[in-house]
Amino acid sequence: MKLGKRLKQIASMVTAQYDHIWDCCCDHGLLGAALLAHNAAPNIHFVDIVPELMHQLENKLHQFYPKNTESNSRWQMHCMDAKALPLQKFNGKHLVIIAGVGGDLMTDLVREIYQKNPASDIDFLLCPVHHQFTLRQQLIQLDCSLLNEILIVENRRFYEILLVSTEPRPLAKINPIGSLIWQSTTPEQKKIASDYLKKTLDHYKRVQLSRQYDVQYIIDAYEAVAIAAEKTESASESRIQRKP
């Protein structure tokens, strides 16, 4: 099955050499199957907590990637909560992909995976549905470093895609509101960034008016964004200490 724009972009960001790729909350396994077809890593792990989905996916993988040959013995199924990934049982470098869930849940998953596998070499490739600010705050608290970030729009929905490493890099810090996503090299990219910035500001202004949370510091940070063709500092990370 053909990948949509979002999943295709996520797959294209898998360029480093990994020993294990974990497609978490994999649903029907489209992303993991695409990575398997392109030999993205020696071992592809499919992870979801829904037994019915995993059973259907396993049958399809046996059909298209039978394990009776050495070249197609590279996938494994894990019917489990992604928080319990057993990374420490597998040697080598790991890429954990989480997409299609909200930022709050993704934040919990990243924190649990990080804390339960302290000795593992982990990169995360993340695409939250919403609450991107909350997720970024958690990544900063875990001292993760930024490898890449992309902003796309699919079916009129905006998605931030972040590739981060658990290995700290002083010159690649994660910005609470993003940095690379505000850079544009084409008119189309500039419009996407501008529309996303307006949508995000409108959201936080509504939150502020509701008086449920004080998010003025977030509004101030986004209002300082300058969309440009070269790297700009969107806001001071030190100003932002808490999440809504």
C-alpha atoms as a PDB file:
ATOM      1  CA  MET A   1       0.000   0.000   0.000  1.00  0.00           C
ATOM      2  CA  LYS A   2       1.313   3.431  -0.950  1.00  0.00           C
ATOM      3  CA  LEU A   3       2.473   5.664   1.890  1.00  0.00           C
ATOM      4  CA  GLY A   4       0.887   9.047   2.433  1.00  0.00           C
ATOM      5  CA  LYS A   5       2.921  12.242   2.538  1.00  0.00           C
ATOM      6  CA  ARG A   6       3.468  12.111   6.306  1.00  0.00           C
ATOM      7  CA  LEU A   7       4.661   8.508   6.482  1.00  0.00           C
ATOM      8  CA  LYS A   8       6.757   8.967   3.347  1.00  0.00           C
ATOM      9  CA  GLN A   9       8.503  11.949   4.944  1.00  0.00           C
ATOM     10  CA  ILE A  10       9.141   9.979   8.137  1.00  0.00           C
ATOM     11  CA  ALA A  11      10.602   7.084   6.147  1.00  0.00           C
ATOM     12  CA  SER A  12      12.856   9.446   4.193  1.00  0.00           C
ATOM     13  CA  MET A  13      14.399  10.705   7.432  1.00  0.00           C
ATOM     14  CA  VAL A  14      15.768   7.249   8.278  1.00  0.00           C
ATOM     15  CA  THR A  15      19.221   7.706   6.789  1.00  0.00           C
ATOM     16  CA  ALA A  16      21.640   6.717   9.558  1.00  0.00           C
ATOM     17  CA  GLN A  17      22.843   3.165  10.184  1.00  0.00           C
ATOM     18  CA  TYR A  18      20.736   1.436  12.831  1.00  0.00           C
ATOM     19  CA  ASP A  19      20.842  -2.137  14.083  1.00  0.00           C
ATOM     20  CA  HIS A  20      17.213  -2.051  15.209  1.00  0.00           C
ATOM     21  CA  ILE A  21      14.250   0.072  14.136  1.00  0.00           C
ATOM     22  CA  TRP A  22      11.139  -0.011  16.315  1.00  0.00           C
ATOM     23  CA  ASP A  23       7.877   1.002  14.627  1.00  0.00           C
ATOM     24  CA  CYS A  24       5.802   1.768  17.721  1.00  0.00           C
ATOM     25  CA  CYS A  25       2.008   2.117  17.713  1.00  0.00           C
ATOM     26  CA  CYS A  26       2.451   0.632  14.261  1.00  0.00           C
ATOM     27  CA  ASP A  27      -1.269   0.135  13.542  1.00  0.00           C
ATOM     28  CA  HIS A  28      -1.338  -1.637  10.165  1.00  0.00           C
ATOM     29  CA  GLY A  29       2.441  -1.579   9.871  1.00  0.00           C
ATOM     30  CA  LEU A  30       2.674   0.485   6.672  1.00  0.00           C
ATOM     31  CA  LEU A  31       5.718   2.452   7.780  1.00  0.00           C
ATOM     32  CA  GLY A  32       7.610  -0.530   9.152  1.00  0.00           C
ATOM     33  CA  ALA A  33       6.830  -2.562   6.039  1.00  0.00           C
ATOM     34  CA  ALA A  34       8.203   0.226   3.834  1.00  0.00           C
ATOM     35  CA  LEU A  35      11.395   0.318   5.886  1.00  0.00           C
ATOM     36  CA  LEU A  36      11.616  -3.453   5.678  1.00  0.00           C
ATOM     37  CA  ALA A  37      11.226  -3.349   1.896  1.00  0.00           C
ATOM     38  CA  HIS A  38      14.036  -0.800   1.613  1.00  0.00           C
ATOM     39  CA  ASN A  39      16.378  -2.715   3.955  1.00  0.00           C
ATOM     40  CA  ALA A  40      16.544   0.285   6.279  1.00  0.00           C
ATOM     41  CA  ALA A  41      18.025  -1.822   9.098  1.00  0.00           C
ATOM     42  CA  PRO A  42      19.016  -5.442   9.792  1.00  0.00           C
ATOM     43  CA  ASN A  43      16.132  -5.748  12.266  1.00  0.00           C
ATOM     44  CA  ILE A  44      12.672  -4.160  12.051  1.00  0.00           C
ATOM     45  CA  HIS A  45      10.402  -4.456  15.091  1.00  0.00           C
ATOM     46  CA  PHE A  46       6.631  -3.922  14.867  1.00  0.00           C
ATOM     47  CA  VAL A  47       5.048  -2.809  18.149  1.00  0.00           C
ATOM     48  CA  ASP A  48       1.396  -2.319  19.013  1.00  0.00           C
ATOM     49  CA  ILE A  49      -0.786  -3.123  21.996  1.00  0.00           C
ATOM     50  CA  VAL A  50      -3.832  -4.311  19.997  1.00  0.00           C
ATOM     51  CA  PRO A  51      -3.696  -8.118  19.488  1.00  0.00           C
ATOM     52  CA  GLU A  52      -6.104  -8.154  16.526  1.00  0.00           C
ATOM     53  CA  LEU A  53      -4.019  -5.659  14.577  1.00  0.00           C
ATOM     54  CA  MET A  54      -0.823  -7.505  15.343  1.00  0.00           C
ATOM     55  CA  HIS A  55      -2.279 -10.833  14.248  1.00  0.00           C
ATOM     56  CA  GLN A  56      -3.449  -9.376  10.922  1.00  0.00           C
ATOM     57  CA  LEU A  57      -0.109  -7.665  10.370  1.00  0.00           C
ATOM     58  CA  GLU A  58       1.859 -10.802  11.175  1.00  0.00           C
ATOM     59  CA  ASN A  59      -0.114 -12.777   8.596  1.00  0.00           C
ATOM     60  CA  LYS A  60       0.631 -10.141   5.937  1.00  0.00           C
ATOM     61  CA  LEU A  61       4.327 -10.060   6.802  1.00  0.00           C
ATOM     62  CA  HIS A  62       4.522 -13.840   6.551  1.00  0.00           C
ATOM     63  CA  GLN A  63       2.909 -13.547   3.124  1.00  0.00           C
ATOM     64  CA  PHE A  64       5.148 -10.830   1.694  1.00  0.00           C
ATOM     65  CA  TYR A  65       8.289 -11.306   3.793  1.00  0.00           C
ATOM     66  CA  PRO A  66       8.352 -15.013   4.706  1.00  0.00           C
ATOM     67  CA  LYS A  67      10.851 -16.011   7.321  1.00  0.00           C
ATOM     68  CA  ASN A  68      11.909 -19.140   5.469  1.00  0.00           C
ATOM     69  CA  THR A  69      14.760 -17.239   3.812  1.00  0.00           C
ATOM     70  CA  GLU A  70      17.695 -15.577   5.521  1.00  0.00           C
ATOM     71  CA  SER A  71      17.058 -12.217   3.861  1.00  0.00           C
ATOM     72  CA  ASN A  72      13.497 -12.048   5.167  1.00  0.00           C
ATOM     73  CA  SER A  73      14.098 -13.134   8.754  1.00  0.00           C
ATOM     74  CA  ARG A  74      14.663  -9.552   9.853  1.00  0.00           C
ATOM     75  CA  TRP A  75      11.290  -8.639  11.377  1.00  0.00           C
ATOM     76  CA  GLN A  76       9.819  -9.299  14.803  1.00  0.00           C
ATOM     77  CA  MET A  77       6.398  -8.702  16.348  1.00  0.00           C
ATOM     78  CA  HIS A  78       5.862  -7.300  19.828  1.00  0.00           C
ATOM     79  CA  CYS A  79       2.295  -7.093  21.114  1.00  0.00           C
ATOM     80  CA  MET A  80       2.947  -4.804  24.045  1.00  0.00           C
ATOM     81  CA  ASP A  81       2.788  -1.289  25.412  1.00  0.00           C
ATOM     82  CA  ALA A  82       5.552   0.743  23.792  1.00  0.00           C
ATOM     83  CA  LYS A  83       6.576   1.953  27.257  1.00  0.00           C
ATOM     84  CA  ALA A  84       7.952  -1.532  27.898  1.00  0.00           C
ATOM     85  CA  LEU A  85      10.245  -1.819  24.868  1.00  0.00           C
ATOM     86  CA  PRO A  86      13.031  -4.291  25.777  1.00  0.00           C
ATOM     87  CA  LEU A  87      15.806  -2.365  24.040  1.00  0.00           C
ATOM     88  CA  GLN A  88      18.416  -3.531  26.556  1.00  0.00           C
ATOM     89  CA  LYS A  89      17.967  -7.094  25.283  1.00  0.00           C
ATOM     90  CA  PHE A  90      19.220  -6.142  21.819  1.00  0.00           C
ATOM     91  CA  ASN A  91      22.744  -4.938  21.124  1.00  0.00           C
ATOM     92  CA  GLY A  92      23.486  -2.043  18.815  1.00  0.00           C
ATOM     93  CA  LYS A  93      22.012   1.318  17.879  1.00  0.00           C
ATOM     94  CA  HIS A  94      18.229   1.785  18.052  1.00  0.00           C
ATOM     95  CA  LEU A  95      15.781   4.034  16.234  1.00  0.00           C
ATOM     96  CA  VAL A  96      12.421   4.286  17.983  1.00  0.00           C
ATOM     97  CA  ILE A  97       9.678   5.676  15.723  1.00  0.00           C
ATOM     98  CA  ILE A  98       6.454   6.944  17.286  1.00  0.00           C
ATOM     99  CA  ALA A  99       3.829   8.612  15.098  1.00  0.00           C
ATOM    100  CA  GLY A 100       0.107   9.156  14.986  1.00  0.00           C
ATOM    101  CA  VAL A 101      -0.475   9.702  18.710  1.00  0.00           C
ATOM    102  CA  GLY A 102      -0.870  12.871  20.751  1.00  0.00           C
ATOM    103  CA  GLY A 103       2.036  14.750  22.221  1.00  0.00           C
ATOM    104  CA  ASP A 104       1.018  14.020  25.810  1.00  0.00           C
ATOM    105  CA  LEU A 105       1.048  10.256  25.258  1.00  0.00           C
ATOM    106  CA  MET A 106       4.202  10.505  23.165  1.00  0.00           C
ATOM    107  CA  THR A 107       5.873  12.458  25.955  1.00  0.00           C
ATOM    108  CA  ASP A 108       5.088   9.650  28.407  1.00  0.00           C
ATOM    109  CA  LEU A 109       6.319   6.988  25.991  1.00  0.00           C
ATOM    110  CA  VAL A 110       9.627   8.741  25.308  1.00  0.00           C
ATOM    111  CA  ARG A 111      10.270   9.327  29.007  1.00  0.00           C
ATOM    112  CA  GLU A 112       9.517   5.709  29.953  1.00  0.00           C
ATOM    113  CA  ILE A 113      11.584   4.241  27.117  1.00  0.00           C
ATOM    114  CA  TYR A 114      14.508   6.532  27.931  1.00  0.00           C
ATOM    115  CA  GLN A 115      14.425   5.796  31.666  1.00  0.00           C
ATOM    116  CA  LYS A 116      14.027   2.031  31.294  1.00  0.00           C
ATOM    117  CA  ASN A 117      16.885   1.696  28.820  1.00  0.00           C
ATOM    118  CA  PRO A 118      19.614   3.962  30.239  1.00  0.00           C
ATOM    119  CA  ALA A 119      22.485   2.050  28.642  1.00  0.00           C
ATOM    120  CA  SER A 120      20.983   1.835  25.154  1.00  0.00           C
ATOM    121  CA  ASP A 121      22.039   3.995  22.207  1.00  0.00           C
ATOM    122  CA  ILE A 122      18.707   5.482  21.089  1.00  0.00           C
ATOM    123  CA  ASP A 123      17.503   7.930  18.483  1.00  0.00           C
ATOM    124  CA  PHE A 124      13.823   8.917  18.404  1.00  0.00           C
ATOM    125  CA  LEU A 125      11.858   9.803  15.260  1.00  0.00           C
ATOM    126  CA  LEU A 126       8.668  11.469  16.463  1.00  0.00           C
ATOM    127  CA  CYS A 127       5.562  12.862  14.783  1.00  0.00           C
ATOM    128  CA  PRO A 128       2.956  13.959  17.353  1.00  0.00           C
ATOM    129  CA  VAL A 129      -0.603  14.791  16.356  1.00  0.00           C
ATOM    130  CA  HIS A 130      -0.691  17.745  18.762  1.00  0.00           C
ATOM    131  CA  HIS A 131       0.921  19.091  21.973  1.00  0.00           C
ATOM    132  CA  GLN A 132       4.249  19.516  20.232  1.00  0.00           C
ATOM    133  CA  PHE A 133       5.376  22.080  22.806  1.00  0.00           C
ATOM    134  CA  THR A 134       4.867  19.604  25.642  1.00  0.00           C
ATOM    135  CA  LEU A 135       6.883  16.956  23.803  1.00  0.00           C
ATOM    136  CA  ARG A 136       9.721  19.354  23.059  1.00  0.00           C
ATOM    137  CA  GLN A 137       9.891  20.354  26.721  1.00  0.00           C
ATOM    138  CA  GLN A 138      10.301  16.711  27.709  1.00  0.00           C
ATOM    139  CA  LEU A 139      13.035  16.166  25.123  1.00  0.00           C
ATOM    140  CA  ILE A 140      14.879  19.193  26.467  1.00  0.00           C
ATOM    141  CA  GLN A 141      14.568  17.895  30.042  1.00  0.00           C
ATOM    142  CA  LEU A 142      16.037  14.563  28.912  1.00  0.00           C
ATOM    143  CA  ASP A 143      18.948  16.498  27.365  1.00  0.00           C
ATOM    144  CA  CYS A 144      18.258  15.105  23.906  1.00  0.00           C
ATOM    145  CA  SER A 145      19.855  16.760  20.887  1.00  0.00           C
ATOM    146  CA  LEU A 146      18.316  17.690  17.566  1.00  0.00           C
ATOM    147  CA  LEU A 147      19.337  15.797  14.439  1.00  0.00           C
ATOM    148  CA  ASN A 148      16.619  17.133  12.128  1.00  0.00           C
ATOM    149  CA  GLU A 149      13.101  18.527  12.143  1.00  0.00           C
ATOM    150  CA  ILE A 150      10.614  18.980   9.315  1.00  0.00           C
ATOM    151  CA  LEU A 151       7.250  20.725   9.051  1.00  0.00           C
ATOM    152  CA  ILE A 152       4.744  19.324   6.560  1.00  0.00           C
ATOM    153  CA  VAL A 153       1.038  19.602   5.825  1.00  0.00           C
ATOM    154  CA  GLU A 154      -1.121  16.661   4.792  1.00  0.00           C
ATOM    155  CA  ASN A 155      -4.893  16.767   4.331  1.00  0.00           C
ATOM    156  CA  ARG A 156      -4.904  20.297   5.792  1.00  0.00           C
ATOM    157  CA  ARG A 157      -3.218  19.137   8.990  1.00  0.00           C
ATOM    158  CA  PHE A 158       0.212  20.297  10.054  1.00  0.00           C
ATOM    159  CA  TYR A 159       2.805  17.889  11.416  1.00  0.00           C
ATOM    160  CA  GLU A 160       6.136  18.486  13.085  1.00  0.00           C
ATOM    161  CA  ILE A 161       8.529  15.581  12.594  1.00  0.00           C
ATOM    162  CA  LEU A 162      11.527  15.478  14.922  1.00  0.00           C
ATOM    163  CA  LEU A 163      14.586  13.267  14.729  1.00  0.00           C
ATOM    164  CA  VAL A 164      16.472  13.464  18.019  1.00  0.00           C
ATOM    165  CA  SER A 165      19.286  11.651  19.763  1.00  0.00           C
ATOM    166  CA  THR A 166      19.679  10.739  23.421  1.00  0.00           C
ATOM    167  CA  GLU A 167      23.331  11.650  23.038  1.00  0.00           C
ATOM    168  CA  PRO A 168      23.741  15.314  24.068  1.00  0.00           C
ATOM    169  CA  ARG A 169      25.303  17.603  21.463  1.00  0.00           C
ATOM    170  CA  PRO A 170      25.968  21.160  22.682  1.00  0.00           C
ATOM    171  CA  LEU A 171      25.581  22.675  19.221  1.00  0.00           C
ATOM    172  CA  ALA A 172      22.344  20.845  18.407  1.00  0.00           C
ATOM    173  CA  LYS A 173      19.983  21.808  21.196  1.00  0.00           C
ATOM    174  CA  ILE A 174      16.239  21.389  20.797  1.00  0.00           C
ATOM    175  CA  ASN A 175      14.296  24.640  20.673  1.00  0.00           C
ATOM    176  CA  PRO A 176      11.002  24.605  22.642  1.00  0.00           C
ATOM    177  CA  ILE A 177       9.109  26.003  19.651  1.00  0.00           C
ATOM    178  CA  GLY A 178      11.297  24.699  16.854  1.00  0.00           C
ATOM    179  CA  SER A 179      14.143  26.147  14.834  1.00  0.00           C
ATOM    180  CA  LEU A 180      14.637  24.383  11.507  1.00  0.00           C
ATOM    181  CA  ILE A 181      10.886  24.245  10.834  1.00  0.00           C
ATOM    182  CA  TRP A 182      10.831  28.030  10.468  1.00  0.00           C
ATOM    183  CA  GLN A 183      13.456  28.046   7.737  1.00  0.00           C
ATOM    184  CA  SER A 184      12.166  28.071   4.181  1.00  0.00           C
ATOM    185  CA  THR A 185      13.883  27.736   0.833  1.00  0.00           C
ATOM    186  CA  THR A 186      10.788  27.908  -1.376  1.00  0.00           C
ATOM    187  CA  PRO A 187       7.604  30.024  -1.422  1.00  0.00           C
ATOM    188  CA  GLU A 188       5.609  26.869  -0.667  1.00  0.00           C
ATOM    189  CA  GLN A 189       7.648  26.093   2.441  1.00  0.00           C
ATOM    190  CA  LYS A 190       7.367  29.692   3.591  1.00  0.00           C
ATOM    191  CA  LYS A 191       3.571  29.602   3.254  1.00  0.00           C
ATOM    192  CA  ILE A 192       3.362  26.333   5.182  1.00  0.00           C
ATOM    193  CA  ALA A 193       5.484  27.785   7.985  1.00  0.00           C
ATOM    194  CA  SER A 194       3.492  31.046   8.024  1.00  0.00           C
ATOM    195  CA  ASP A 195       0.142  29.260   8.101  1.00  0.00           C
ATOM    196  CA  TYR A 196       1.335  26.934  10.854  1.00  0.00           C
ATOM    197  CA  LEU A 197       2.661  29.812  12.924  1.00  0.00           C
ATOM    198  CA  LYS A 198      -0.666  31.650  12.661  1.00  0.00           C
ATOM    199  CA  LYS A 199      -2.628  28.501  13.544  1.00  0.00           C
ATOM    200  CA  THR A 200      -0.401  27.808  16.548  1.00  0.00           C
ATOM    201  CA  LEU A 201      -0.602  31.380  17.838  1.00  0.00           C
ATOM    202  CA  ASP A 202      -4.391  31.411  17.441  1.00  0.00           C
ATOM    203  CA  HIS A 203      -4.594  28.212  19.486  1.00  0.00           C
ATOM    204  CA  TYR A 204      -2.528  29.496  22.391  1.00  0.00           C
ATOM    205  CA  LYS A 205      -4.331  32.834  22.386  1.00  0.00           C
ATOM    206  CA  ARG A 206      -7.623  30.972  22.791  1.00  0.00           C
ATOM    207  CA  VAL A 207      -6.102  28.973  25.652  1.00  0.00           C
ATOM    208  CA  GLN A 208      -4.950  32.197  27.295  1.00  0.00           C
ATOM    209  CA  LEU A 209      -8.406  33.761  26.968  1.00  0.00           C
ATOM    210  CA  SER A 210      -9.986  30.701  28.588  1.00  0.00           C
ATOM    211  CA  ARG A 211      -7.879  31.382  31.701  1.00  0.00           C
ATOM    212  CA  GLN A 212      -7.376  27.638  32.232  1.00  0.00           C
ATOM    213  CA  TYR A 213      -3.614  28.018  31.807  1.00  0.00           C
ATOM    214  CA  ASP A 214      -1.219  30.920  31.673  1.00  0.00           C
ATOM    215  CA  VAL A 215       0.478  30.436  28.313  1.00  0.00           C
ATOM    216  CA  GLN A 216       1.527  33.991  27.634  1.00  0.00           C
ATOM    217  CA  TYR A 217       5.182  32.912  27.728  1.00  0.00           C
ATOM    218  CA  ILE A 218       4.468  30.490  24.891  1.00  0.00           C
ATOM    219  CA  ILE A 219       2.660  33.164  22.908  1.00  0.00           C
ATOM    220  CA  ASP A 220       5.608  35.518  23.386  1.00  0.00           C
ATOM    221  CA  ALA A 221       7.997  32.853  22.126  1.00  0.00           C
ATOM    222  CA  TYR A 222       6.000  32.133  18.968  1.00  0.00           C
ATOM    223  CA  GLU A 223       5.483  35.840  18.290  1.00  0.00           C
ATOM    224  CA  ALA A 224       9.281  36.187  18.192  1.00  0.00           C
ATOM    225  CA  VAL A 225       9.585  33.690  15.323  1.00  0.00           C
ATOM    226  CA  ALA A 226      11.090  35.070  12.136  1.00  0.00           C
ATOM    227  CA  ILE A 227      10.489  32.841   9.119  1.00  0.00           C
ATOM    228  CA  ALA A 228      13.570  33.053   6.931  1.00  0.00           C
ATOM    229  CA  ALA A 229      15.724  31.186   4.460  1.00  0.00           C
ATOM    230  CA  GLU A 230      18.559  30.880   6.930  1.00  0.00           C
ATOM    231  CA  LYS A 231      18.838  29.806  10.542  1.00  0.00           C
ATOM    232  CA  THR A 232      17.335  32.212  13.049  1.00  0.00           C
ATOM    233  CA  GLU A 233      16.909  32.075  16.781  1.00  0.00           C
ATOM    234  CA  SER A 234      13.174  31.837  17.384  1.00  0.00           C
ATOM    235  CA  ALA A 235      13.233  32.429  21.118  1.00  0.00           C
ATOM    236  CA  SER A 236      15.413  32.045  24.157  1.00  0.00           C
ATOM    237  CA  GLU A 237      15.122  28.531  25.540  1.00  0.00           C
ATOM    238  CA  SER A 238      15.945  29.765  29.004  1.00  0.00           C
ATOM    239  CA  ARG A 239      12.732  31.800  29.101  1.00  0.00           C
ATOM    240  CA  ILE A 240      10.573  28.736  28.865  1.00  0.00           C
ATOM    241  CA  GLN A 241      10.569  26.601  31.991  1.00  0.00           C
ATOM    242  CA  ARG A 242       7.139  25.061  32.240  1.00  0.00           C
ATOM    243  CA  LYS A 243       4.423  23.614  30.057  1.00  0.00           C
ATOM    244  CA  PRO A 244       0.690  24.386  29.997  1.00  0.00           C
END
